Amino acid sequence: MRILIVACIVALTAGILNGAAALADYLAARQPAKAPDEERGFVLIDFTKPDATSAWFSLNDGVMGGVSRSALVPTDTGSAIFQGIVSFENNGGFATMQTNFAPARNLRVYDGLQLRVRSDGKRYGIYLRTAQQSVVYQATFVAPRDEWHEVRLRWSDFVPTRFGRQVRADALDPSDIRALSLLIEFKQEGPFALEVKHIGVFEE
């Protein structure tokens, strides 16, 4: 009987510890990421990691009958290239690659997104999705052609849109980031290529 009681206590203790660890992991994901003081930033997506592109998927104008194409291709030098072709056929004209966060990322302690990119000179965008299912928050940038460049997009740069058009809605809530997309549209037909080293956040 004593052995049985001891075994039950051990099993109960292990269950409590495992449950506490799972709860701690969940709460850590919900809390704002802590940045080292010397960096004052946090890398969300690091393309130097070999499997960093596997969590991305394309969402192109095919949902509306278009034929634009996109892909996110890892390189041998620790980056990824958002590339493809934008076509105006069948009323198309945009291409995106998206990754989801589960649970949602709480980034309210930061001031915005920071990307290290090497561009073809075209205009690109970032989509952020929150619990507001019908609204997508968009910010755009143009980086110098054929050279590495740091792009900073403040949370206030992200405007609410629906089907590519700005709408009236609440401002972006950076404590509830559920998805991030790389985007090209803006009436730019033809091939495109944007090389990305990492996507992170910054604090001023």
Protein backbone atom coordinates (compact mmCIF):
# COMPACT_ATOMS: atom_id res chain seq x y z
CA MET A 1 0.00 0.00 0.00
CA ARG A 2 2.84 2.41 0.91
CA ILE A 3 4.52 1.77 -2.48
CA LEU A 4 1.21 2.46 -4.28
CA ILE A 5 0.75 5.75 -2.40
CA VAL A 6 4.30 6.86 -3.21
CA ALA A 7 3.78 6.00 -6.89
CA CYS A 8 0.56 8.01 -6.98
CA ILE A 9 2.28 11.01 -5.37
CA VAL A 10 5.15 10.83 -7.92
CA ALA A 11 2.71 10.62 -10.84
CA LEU A 12 0.62 13.52 -9.49
CA THR A 13 3.75 15.67 -8.98
CA ALA A 14 4.96 14.95 -12.54
CA GLY A 15 1.56 15.89 -13.95
CA ILE A 16 1.54 19.16 -12.04
CA LEU A 17 5.08 20.01 -13.20
CA ASN A 18 4.27 19.19 -16.84
CA GLY A 19 1.10 21.29 -16.69
CA ALA A 20 3.00 24.19 -15.13
CA ALA A 21 5.67 24.01 -17.85
CA ALA A 22 3.03 24.04 -20.60
CA LEU A 23 1.28 27.01 -18.97
CA ALA A 24 4.60 28.86 -18.66
CA ASP A 25 5.36 28.29 -22.35
CA TYR A 26 1.93 29.60 -23.36
CA LEU A 27 2.18 32.68 -21.15
CA ALA A 28 5.68 33.43 -22.42
CA ALA A 29 4.40 33.46 -26.00
CA ARG A 30 1.62 35.86 -25.02
CA GLN A 31 3.93 38.29 -23.23
CA PRO A 32 5.92 41.00 -25.03
CA ALA A 33 9.25 39.68 -26.23
CA LYS A 34 12.15 40.93 -24.13
CA ALA A 35 14.99 42.49 -26.10
CA PRO A 36 18.60 42.64 -24.87
CA ASP A 37 19.42 46.23 -23.91
CA GLU A 38 22.33 46.39 -26.32
CA GLU A 39 20.17 45.36 -29.29
CA ARG A 40 16.85 47.03 -28.45
CA GLY A 41 15.19 44.71 -30.92
CA PHE A 42 13.94 41.17 -31.42
CA VAL A 43 14.14 38.90 -34.46
CA LEU A 44 10.76 37.34 -35.25
CA ILE A 45 11.80 35.47 -38.40
CA ASP A 46 15.44 34.57 -38.99
CA PHE A 47 16.12 33.27 -42.50
CA THR A 48 19.62 32.13 -41.54
CA LYS A 49 17.81 29.13 -40.06
CA PRO A 50 17.44 26.43 -42.73
CA ASP A 51 13.76 25.65 -42.02
CA ALA A 52 12.57 29.27 -41.72
CA THR A 53 10.76 29.26 -45.08
CA SER A 54 8.78 26.07 -44.44
CA ALA A 55 6.07 27.88 -42.44
CA TRP A 56 5.17 30.22 -45.33
CA PHE A 57 2.48 29.72 -47.99
CA SER A 58 1.35 31.70 -51.04
CA LEU A 59 -1.87 33.72 -51.23
CA ASN A 60 -1.93 35.17 -54.74
CA ASP A 61 -4.60 36.66 -56.99
CA GLY A 62 -5.64 33.14 -57.98
CA VAL A 63 -8.35 33.49 -55.31
CA MET A 64 -9.90 36.04 -57.71
CA GLY A 65 -9.08 34.23 -60.95
CA GLY A 66 -5.65 35.78 -61.52
CA VAL A 67 -2.49 33.93 -62.55
CA SER A 68 0.27 35.73 -60.59
CA ARG A 69 2.82 33.46 -58.90
CA SER A 70 5.02 33.75 -55.82
CA ALA A 71 7.44 31.69 -53.74
CA LEU A 72 9.79 32.17 -50.81
CA VAL A 73 13.06 30.45 -51.69
CA PRO A 74 15.93 29.93 -49.22
CA THR A 75 19.44 30.83 -50.37
CA ASP A 76 22.83 29.35 -49.51
CA THR A 77 23.85 32.57 -47.76
CA GLY A 78 21.30 32.69 -44.93
CA SER A 79 18.47 34.65 -46.55
CA ALA A 80 15.24 34.03 -48.44
CA ILE A 81 14.00 35.50 -51.72
CA PHE A 82 10.37 36.50 -52.15
CA GLN A 83 10.06 36.07 -55.91
CA GLY A 84 7.61 35.42 -58.69
CA ILE A 85 5.63 37.13 -61.45
CA VAL A 86 2.76 39.60 -61.15
CA SER A 87 0.27 39.33 -64.01
CA PHE A 88 -2.72 41.54 -64.84
CA GLU A 89 -4.48 38.68 -66.66
CA ASN A 90 -7.99 37.83 -65.47
CA ASN A 91 -8.10 41.03 -63.38
CA GLY A 92 -5.15 39.87 -61.27
CA GLY A 93 -2.24 41.93 -60.03
CA PHE A 94 -0.90 40.85 -56.63
CA ALA A 95 1.19 38.15 -54.98
CA THR A 96 1.83 37.41 -51.31
CA MET A 97 3.56 34.93 -49.04
CA GLN A 98 2.13 34.52 -45.54
CA THR A 99 3.15 32.97 -42.23
CA ASN A 100 0.90 32.54 -39.19
CA PHE A 101 1.70 32.89 -35.49
CA ALA A 102 0.10 30.55 -32.97
CA PRO A 103 -0.40 31.79 -30.36
CA ALA A 104 -0.59 35.41 -31.51
CA ARG A 105 2.52 37.51 -30.88
CA ASN A 106 2.36 40.29 -28.31
CA LEU A 107 4.72 43.03 -29.57
CA ARG A 108 3.27 46.09 -27.86
CA VAL A 109 6.53 46.98 -26.07
CA TYR A 110 8.15 47.67 -29.46
CA ASP A 111 7.68 50.53 -31.91
CA GLY A 112 7.40 48.65 -35.20
CA LEU A 113 8.85 46.12 -37.63
CA GLN A 114 12.40 46.10 -38.95
CA LEU A 115 13.52 44.17 -42.05
CA ARG A 116 16.93 43.71 -43.63
CA VAL A 117 16.35 43.45 -47.37
CA ARG A 118 18.01 43.64 -50.78
CA SER A 119 15.52 44.82 -53.37
CA ASP A 120 14.94 45.10 -57.10
CA GLY A 121 13.72 48.66 -56.54
CA LYS A 122 9.99 47.88 -56.65
CA ARG A 123 7.42 48.83 -54.01
CA TYR A 124 6.67 46.07 -51.51
CA GLY A 125 4.33 45.79 -48.58
CA ILE A 126 3.79 44.03 -45.29
CA TYR A 127 0.38 42.74 -44.24
CA LEU A 128 -0.35 42.17 -40.55
CA ARG A 129 -3.47 40.32 -39.41
CA THR A 130 -5.08 40.49 -35.98
CA ALA A 131 -8.34 39.23 -34.48
CA GLN A 132 -10.19 41.65 -36.80
CA GLN A 133 -10.80 39.05 -39.49
CA SER A 134 -12.20 41.41 -42.13
CA VAL A 135 -9.34 43.93 -41.91
CA VAL A 136 -5.70 43.63 -42.99
CA TYR A 137 -3.14 46.20 -41.82
CA GLN A 138 -0.72 47.27 -44.56
CA ALA A 139 2.47 49.30 -44.75
CA THR A 140 4.69 49.72 -47.83
CA PHE A 141 8.33 50.50 -48.58
CA VAL A 142 10.76 51.00 -51.45
CA ALA A 143 14.36 49.97 -50.72
CA PRO A 144 17.44 50.96 -52.76
CA ARG A 145 18.12 48.59 -55.64
CA ASP A 146 20.74 45.83 -55.30
CA GLU A 147 22.09 46.76 -51.86
CA TRP A 148 21.33 45.63 -48.33
CA HIS A 149 19.09 48.06 -46.50
CA GLU A 150 17.32 48.26 -43.13
CA VAL A 151 13.61 49.05 -43.44
CA ARG A 152 11.70 50.32 -40.41
CA LEU A 153 7.91 50.43 -40.34
CA ARG A 154 6.28 51.94 -37.27
CA TRP A 155 2.99 50.50 -36.03
CA SER A 156 1.35 53.80 -37.00
CA ASP A 157 2.48 53.21 -40.62
CA PHE A 158 0.11 50.23 -40.88
CA VAL A 159 -3.29 51.30 -42.19
CA PRO A 160 -6.46 49.16 -42.14
CA THR A 161 -7.40 47.84 -45.57
CA ARG A 162 -9.96 45.54 -47.12
CA PHE A 163 -9.34 44.06 -50.57
CA GLY A 164 -6.42 46.44 -50.99
CA ARG A 165 -8.37 49.61 -50.18
CA GLN A 166 -8.03 51.68 -47.02
CA VAL A 167 -11.05 51.52 -44.73
CA ARG A 168 -12.15 53.00 -41.42
CA ALA A 169 -11.28 50.68 -38.58
CA ASP A 170 -9.48 50.58 -35.24
CA ALA A 171 -5.73 51.19 -35.30
CA LEU A 172 -3.42 48.19 -35.38
CA ASP A 173 -3.16 46.38 -32.05
CA PRO A 174 0.47 45.19 -31.85
CA SER A 175 -0.34 42.95 -28.89
CA ASP A 176 -2.34 40.61 -31.16
CA ILE A 177 -0.29 39.86 -34.31
CA ARG A 178 -1.62 36.62 -35.79
CA ALA A 179 -0.11 36.59 -39.30
CA LEU A 180 2.47 38.40 -41.41
CA SER A 181 2.66 38.57 -45.20
CA LEU A 182 5.15 39.83 -47.75
CA LEU A 183 3.25 41.54 -50.55
CA ILE A 184 3.68 43.01 -54.01
CA GLU A 185 0.91 44.73 -55.97
CA PHE A 186 0.61 48.47 -56.70
CA LYS A 187 0.20 47.97 -60.49
CA GLN A 188 3.68 46.48 -60.93
CA GLU A 189 3.44 43.85 -63.63
CA GLY A 190 6.25 41.43 -64.35
CA PRO A 191 8.92 39.49 -62.44
CA PHE A 192 9.97 40.57 -58.94
CA ALA A 193 12.56 39.58 -56.34
CA LEU A 194 13.04 40.79 -52.77
CA GLU A 195 15.79 39.15 -50.71
CA VAL A 196 15.19 39.16 -46.94
CA LYS A 197 17.73 38.36 -44.23
CA HIS A 198 15.39 38.67 -41.26
CA ILE A 199 12.17 40.26 -40.03
CA GLY A 200 12.11 41.64 -36.52
CA VAL A 201 10.92 44.48 -34.33
CA PHE A 202 12.64 47.59 -33.02
CA GLU A 203 12.43 49.83 -29.98
CA GLU A 204 13.45 53.48 -30.06
